[in-house]
């Protein structure tokens, strides 16, 4: 990546991967526009590294997103990379929680769409830059108990693929980030042992390295876990559904409940 790429906007920056990414980029000398709803946590990031500038934001509010982007440009003058990472997780079992699913899509999908829509014309005119979207391996296929979260991430995966094709003509890089289980407030809600759980700092290091290289469309990790899920992804339904109904994948990966 060109050395002039020194200004980045990260949403969902108050905790988890977003927080660690903000600290990682800032430690490398980048100016970081950190956005999230919890302003106090953003101020804490600024205290840890003054390369991080807090820009409180509710991504579900399109007007708020556009106003925040204007503030970032007023402050930074230019912007080179965006990592749209905001997301929530609500676990649902056999009963559909309609209100919960609407809330998930409002934040995970439409909140990200608000952000993309806000920066799209800017990067088209600039004819350069990098937009990165936080997906999840949960979006590869339907997994039952995370139908709302998984569906929102599946929608983001599809959207990011389309965005890649759209922005290719404008010399704008587009990256899809699909992590497995990463230690964060989101995964802390799970009541099962999570296979190949990645530390938040390690996840941020991996993402930072790949963003800088600008060689991959998809940043997926950890390798063994994502490779297994990619096999499930290409299975025909007549194999996939019996495989899942018999809970073979769960027997392989989720043998022990969290104590």
Protein backbone atom coordinates (compact mmCIF):
# COMPACT_ATOMS: atom_id res chain seq x y z
CA UNK A 1 0.00 0.00 0.00
CA UNK A 2 1.21 3.47 -0.87
CA UNK A 3 2.71 5.36 2.06
CA UNK A 4 0.23 8.19 1.47
CA UNK A 5 -2.52 5.87 2.76
CA UNK A 6 -2.49 7.21 6.27
CA UNK A 7 -6.08 8.10 7.12
CA UNK A 8 -8.73 5.54 8.00
CA UNK A 9 -12.33 5.49 9.23
CA UNK A 10 -13.32 2.54 11.44
CA UNK A 11 -16.89 1.99 12.65
CA UNK A 12 -17.80 -0.22 15.58
CA UNK A 13 -14.58 1.02 17.15
CA UNK A 14 -15.64 1.04 20.80
CA UNK A 15 -14.98 -2.66 21.47
CA UNK A 16 -13.85 -5.97 19.99
CA UNK A 17 -12.14 -6.07 16.60
CA UNK A 18 -12.95 -2.42 15.85
CA UNK A 19 -11.19 -1.25 18.99
CA UNK A 20 -8.11 -3.35 18.37
CA UNK A 21 -7.95 -2.27 14.73
CA UNK A 22 -8.10 1.38 15.79
CA UNK A 23 -5.19 0.86 18.17
CA UNK A 24 -3.24 -1.15 15.60
CA UNK A 25 -3.50 1.41 12.80
CA UNK A 26 -2.84 4.28 15.21
CA UNK A 27 0.29 2.55 16.51
CA UNK A 28 1.58 2.46 12.93
CA UNK A 29 1.19 6.22 12.55
CA UNK A 30 -2.22 6.32 10.86
CA UNK A 31 -4.78 8.97 11.68
CA UNK A 32 -7.85 7.02 12.79
CA UNK A 33 -11.42 8.29 12.75
CA UNK A 34 -13.06 5.99 15.30
CA UNK A 35 -16.85 5.77 15.30
CA UNK A 36 -19.35 4.04 17.57
CA UNK A 37 -22.34 4.98 19.69
CA UNK A 38 -20.50 4.86 23.02
CA UNK A 39 -18.65 8.16 23.07
CA UNK A 40 -16.97 7.50 26.43
CA UNK A 41 -15.20 4.43 25.02
CA UNK A 42 -14.05 6.39 21.98
CA UNK A 43 -12.59 9.05 24.25
CA UNK A 44 -10.74 6.29 26.08
CA UNK A 45 -9.18 5.23 22.78
CA UNK A 46 -8.05 8.80 22.20
CA UNK A 47 -6.40 8.81 25.62
CA UNK A 48 -4.55 5.60 24.73
CA UNK A 49 -3.33 7.01 21.40
CA UNK A 50 -3.88 10.58 20.24
CA UNK A 51 -3.75 9.44 16.60
CA UNK A 52 -7.29 8.22 17.23
CA UNK A 53 -9.98 10.88 16.83
CA UNK A 54 -13.44 10.05 18.24
CA UNK A 55 -16.44 10.59 15.96
CA UNK A 56 -19.55 9.29 17.81
CA UNK A 57 -22.07 7.81 15.42
CA UNK A 58 -25.21 5.70 15.13
CA UNK A 59 -24.84 3.88 11.81
CA UNK A 60 -28.58 3.19 11.64
CA UNK A 61 -29.19 6.93 11.22
CA UNK A 62 -28.35 7.83 7.61
CA UNK A 63 -28.33 11.58 8.31
CA UNK A 64 -25.96 11.05 11.26
CA UNK A 65 -23.62 8.98 9.06
CA UNK A 66 -23.42 11.67 6.39
CA UNK A 67 -22.86 14.45 8.94
CA UNK A 68 -20.14 12.41 10.65
CA UNK A 69 -18.38 11.75 7.34
CA UNK A 70 -18.36 15.49 6.64
CA UNK A 71 -16.82 16.11 10.07
CA UNK A 72 -14.13 13.53 9.34
CA UNK A 73 -13.24 15.17 6.04
CA UNK A 74 -13.23 18.60 7.68
CA UNK A 75 -10.77 17.26 10.24
CA UNK A 76 -8.66 14.91 8.08
CA UNK A 77 -9.04 16.69 4.70
CA UNK A 78 -8.66 13.32 2.98
CA UNK A 79 -9.60 9.68 3.65
CA UNK A 80 -7.91 6.58 2.25
CA UNK A 81 -9.44 3.51 3.90
CA UNK A 82 -12.77 2.65 5.51
CA UNK A 83 -13.44 -0.43 7.62
CA UNK A 84 -17.18 -0.73 8.23
CA UNK A 85 -17.33 -3.01 11.22
CA UNK A 86 -20.46 -2.09 13.20
CA UNK A 87 -22.56 -5.07 14.19
CA UNK A 88 -24.74 -6.68 16.86
CA UNK A 89 -25.52 -10.29 17.67
CA UNK A 90 -28.68 -11.80 19.10
CA UNK A 91 -28.83 -15.57 19.37
CA UNK A 92 -32.17 -17.11 18.47
CA UNK A 93 -33.13 -20.75 18.71
CA UNK A 94 -36.17 -22.44 17.11
CA UNK A 95 -38.52 -19.47 17.50
CA UNK A 96 -38.17 -16.52 15.17
CA UNK A 97 -37.61 -13.28 17.04
CA UNK A 98 -38.91 -10.82 14.46
CA UNK A 99 -38.08 -7.69 16.41
CA UNK A 100 -34.61 -9.02 17.13
CA UNK A 101 -33.98 -9.89 13.49
CA UNK A 102 -35.12 -6.43 12.38
CA UNK A 103 -32.73 -4.88 14.87
CA UNK A 104 -29.87 -7.06 13.61
CA UNK A 105 -30.50 -6.15 9.97
CA UNK A 106 -30.96 -2.49 10.82
CA UNK A 107 -27.47 -2.37 12.32
CA UNK A 108 -25.45 -5.06 10.56
CA UNK A 109 -26.77 -4.67 7.03
CA UNK A 110 -28.52 -1.33 6.61
CA UNK A 111 -26.11 0.41 8.98
CA UNK A 112 -23.25 -0.74 6.75
CA UNK A 113 -25.23 0.26 3.64
CA UNK A 114 -25.62 3.76 5.13
CA UNK A 115 -21.85 3.97 5.50
CA UNK A 116 -21.09 2.64 2.02
CA UNK A 117 -23.63 4.98 0.43
CA UNK A 118 -22.05 7.92 2.22
CA UNK A 119 -18.48 7.33 0.98
CA UNK A 120 -19.18 5.86 -2.46
CA UNK A 121 -19.26 9.06 -4.48
CA UNK A 122 -16.21 10.39 -2.63
CA UNK A 123 -14.09 7.39 -3.62
CA UNK A 124 -15.46 7.36 -7.18
CA UNK A 125 -14.36 10.96 -7.68
CA UNK A 126 -11.05 10.28 -5.99
CA UNK A 127 -10.50 7.17 -8.17
CA UNK A 128 -8.65 5.46 -5.36
CA UNK A 129 -8.98 4.22 -1.80
CA UNK A 130 -10.10 1.10 -0.01
CA UNK A 131 -13.47 0.02 1.42
CA UNK A 132 -13.50 -2.99 3.74
CA UNK A 133 -16.66 -4.68 5.03
CA UNK A 134 -16.89 -6.88 8.13
CA UNK A 135 -18.75 -10.06 7.23
CA UNK A 136 -18.52 -13.38 9.07
CA UNK A 137 -18.12 -17.07 8.33
CA UNK A 138 -21.64 -17.30 9.83
CA UNK A 139 -22.82 -15.90 6.49
CA UNK A 140 -21.49 -18.79 4.42
CA UNK A 141 -24.57 -21.02 4.93
CA UNK A 142 -27.68 -21.31 7.08
CA UNK A 143 -26.74 -22.59 10.52
CA UNK A 144 -30.08 -22.62 12.33
CA UNK A 145 -29.67 -20.96 15.70
CA UNK A 146 -28.06 -17.80 14.35
CA UNK A 147 -30.51 -17.28 11.50
CA UNK A 148 -30.84 -13.51 12.03
CA UNK A 149 -27.13 -12.79 12.48
CA UNK A 150 -26.08 -15.28 9.80
CA UNK A 151 -28.60 -13.91 7.31
CA UNK A 152 -27.39 -10.34 7.87
CA UNK A 153 -23.81 -11.42 7.23
CA UNK A 154 -24.82 -13.44 4.16
CA UNK A 155 -26.43 -10.30 2.79
CA UNK A 156 -23.24 -8.34 3.48
CA UNK A 157 -21.12 -10.96 1.71
CA UNK A 158 -23.31 -10.72 -1.39
CA UNK A 159 -23.32 -6.92 -1.21
CA UNK A 160 -19.53 -6.73 -0.91
CA UNK A 161 -19.06 -9.01 -3.91
CA UNK A 162 -21.26 -6.65 -5.93
CA UNK A 163 -19.41 -3.63 -4.56
CA UNK A 164 -16.09 -5.12 -5.66
CA UNK A 165 -17.32 -5.38 -9.25
CA UNK A 166 -18.87 -1.92 -9.12
CA UNK A 167 -15.78 -0.14 -7.79
CA UNK A 168 -13.24 -1.99 -9.92
CA UNK A 169 -13.77 0.58 -12.67
CA UNK A 170 -12.84 3.38 -10.26
CA UNK A 171 -9.56 1.89 -8.98
CA UNK A 172 -11.10 1.49 -5.50
CA UNK A 173 -10.11 -1.62 -3.54
CA UNK A 174 -12.89 -3.58 -1.85
CA UNK A 175 -12.21 -6.17 0.84
CA UNK A 176 -14.49 -8.63 2.62
CA UNK A 177 -13.47 -9.71 6.13
CA UNK A 178 -14.89 -13.07 7.24
CA UNK A 179 -13.58 -14.05 10.68
CA UNK A 180 -14.49 -17.19 12.55
CA UNK A 181 -14.86 -16.96 16.32
CA UNK A 182 -13.01 -13.93 17.69
CA UNK A 183 -12.90 -13.10 21.39
CA UNK A 184 -15.21 -10.10 21.81
CA UNK A 185 -18.35 -8.92 23.62
CA UNK A 186 -20.34 -10.58 20.80
CA UNK A 187 -18.83 -14.05 21.23
CA UNK A 188 -18.93 -13.70 25.03
CA UNK A 189 -22.69 -14.31 24.67
CA UNK A 190 -22.15 -17.85 23.37
CA UNK A 191 -22.75 -20.69 25.83
CA UNK A 192 -20.67 -23.29 23.97
CA UNK A 193 -16.98 -23.93 23.51
CA UNK A 194 -15.92 -22.02 20.40
CA UNK A 195 -13.46 -23.90 18.16
CA UNK A 196 -10.31 -22.14 17.02
CA UNK A 197 -11.18 -19.04 19.04
CA UNK A 198 -8.92 -16.16 17.95
CA UNK A 199 -7.71 -13.47 20.32
CA UNK A 200 -8.95 -10.00 19.36
CA UNK A 201 -5.42 -8.63 19.05
CA UNK A 202 -4.40 -11.49 16.74
CA UNK A 203 -7.46 -10.88 14.57
CA UNK A 204 -6.61 -7.18 14.29
CA UNK A 205 -3.00 -7.99 13.36
CA UNK A 206 -4.19 -10.37 10.64
CA UNK A 207 -6.65 -7.85 9.19
CA UNK A 208 -4.13 -5.00 9.34
CA UNK A 209 -1.49 -7.04 7.48
CA UNK A 210 -3.89 -8.07 4.71
CA UNK A 211 -5.38 -4.59 4.32
CA UNK A 212 -1.87 -3.17 3.87
CA UNK A 213 -0.96 -5.82 1.29
CA UNK A 214 -4.12 -5.14 -0.75
CA UNK A 215 -3.84 -8.53 -2.45
CA UNK A 216 -6.96 -10.37 -1.27
CA UNK A 217 -10.65 -9.78 -1.77
CA UNK A 218 -11.52 -12.01 1.20
CA UNK A 219 -9.67 -12.00 4.51
CA UNK A 220 -10.89 -15.20 6.20
CA UNK A 221 -9.43 -16.78 9.34
CA UNK A 222 -8.51 -18.98 11.14
CA UNK A 223 -7.45 -21.11 8.18
CA UNK A 224 -8.51 -24.57 9.39
CA UNK A 225 -11.94 -23.46 10.56
CA UNK A 226 -12.73 -21.37 7.49
CA UNK A 227 -11.54 -24.16 5.19
CA UNK A 228 -14.00 -26.55 6.83
CA UNK A 229 -16.85 -24.07 6.46
CA UNK A 230 -15.94 -23.48 2.81
CA UNK A 231 -16.39 -27.21 2.24
CA UNK A 232 -19.86 -26.95 3.78
CA UNK A 233 -20.50 -23.93 1.57
CA UNK A 234 -20.11 -25.91 -1.66
CA UNK A 235 -22.01 -29.01 -0.53
CA UNK A 236 -25.21 -29.67 -2.49
CA UNK A 237 -28.38 -29.46 -0.40
CA UNK A 238 -28.96 -33.23 -0.52
CA UNK A 239 -25.69 -33.69 1.37
CA UNK A 240 -25.58 -30.48 3.39
CA UNK A 241 -28.98 -30.78 5.10
CA UNK A 242 -28.54 -34.41 6.33
CA UNK A 243 -25.02 -33.49 7.42
CA UNK A 244 -26.37 -30.62 9.52
CA UNK A 245 -29.50 -32.41 10.76
CA UNK A 246 -27.35 -35.25 12.09
CA UNK A 247 -25.29 -32.54 13.80
CA UNK A 248 -22.04 -33.99 12.48
CA UNK A 249 -20.44 -30.55 12.38
CA UNK A 250 -21.45 -29.89 15.99
CA UNK A 251 -20.06 -33.23 17.10
CA UNK A 252 -16.79 -32.31 15.44
CA UNK A 253 -16.55 -28.76 16.74
CA UNK A 254 -18.83 -28.21 19.73
CA UNK A 255 -18.17 -31.21 21.94
CA UNK A 256 -18.03 -29.35 25.24
CA UNK A 257 -20.30 -26.76 26.79
CA UNK A 258 -18.68 -23.75 28.34
CA UNK A 259 -18.44 -24.06 32.08
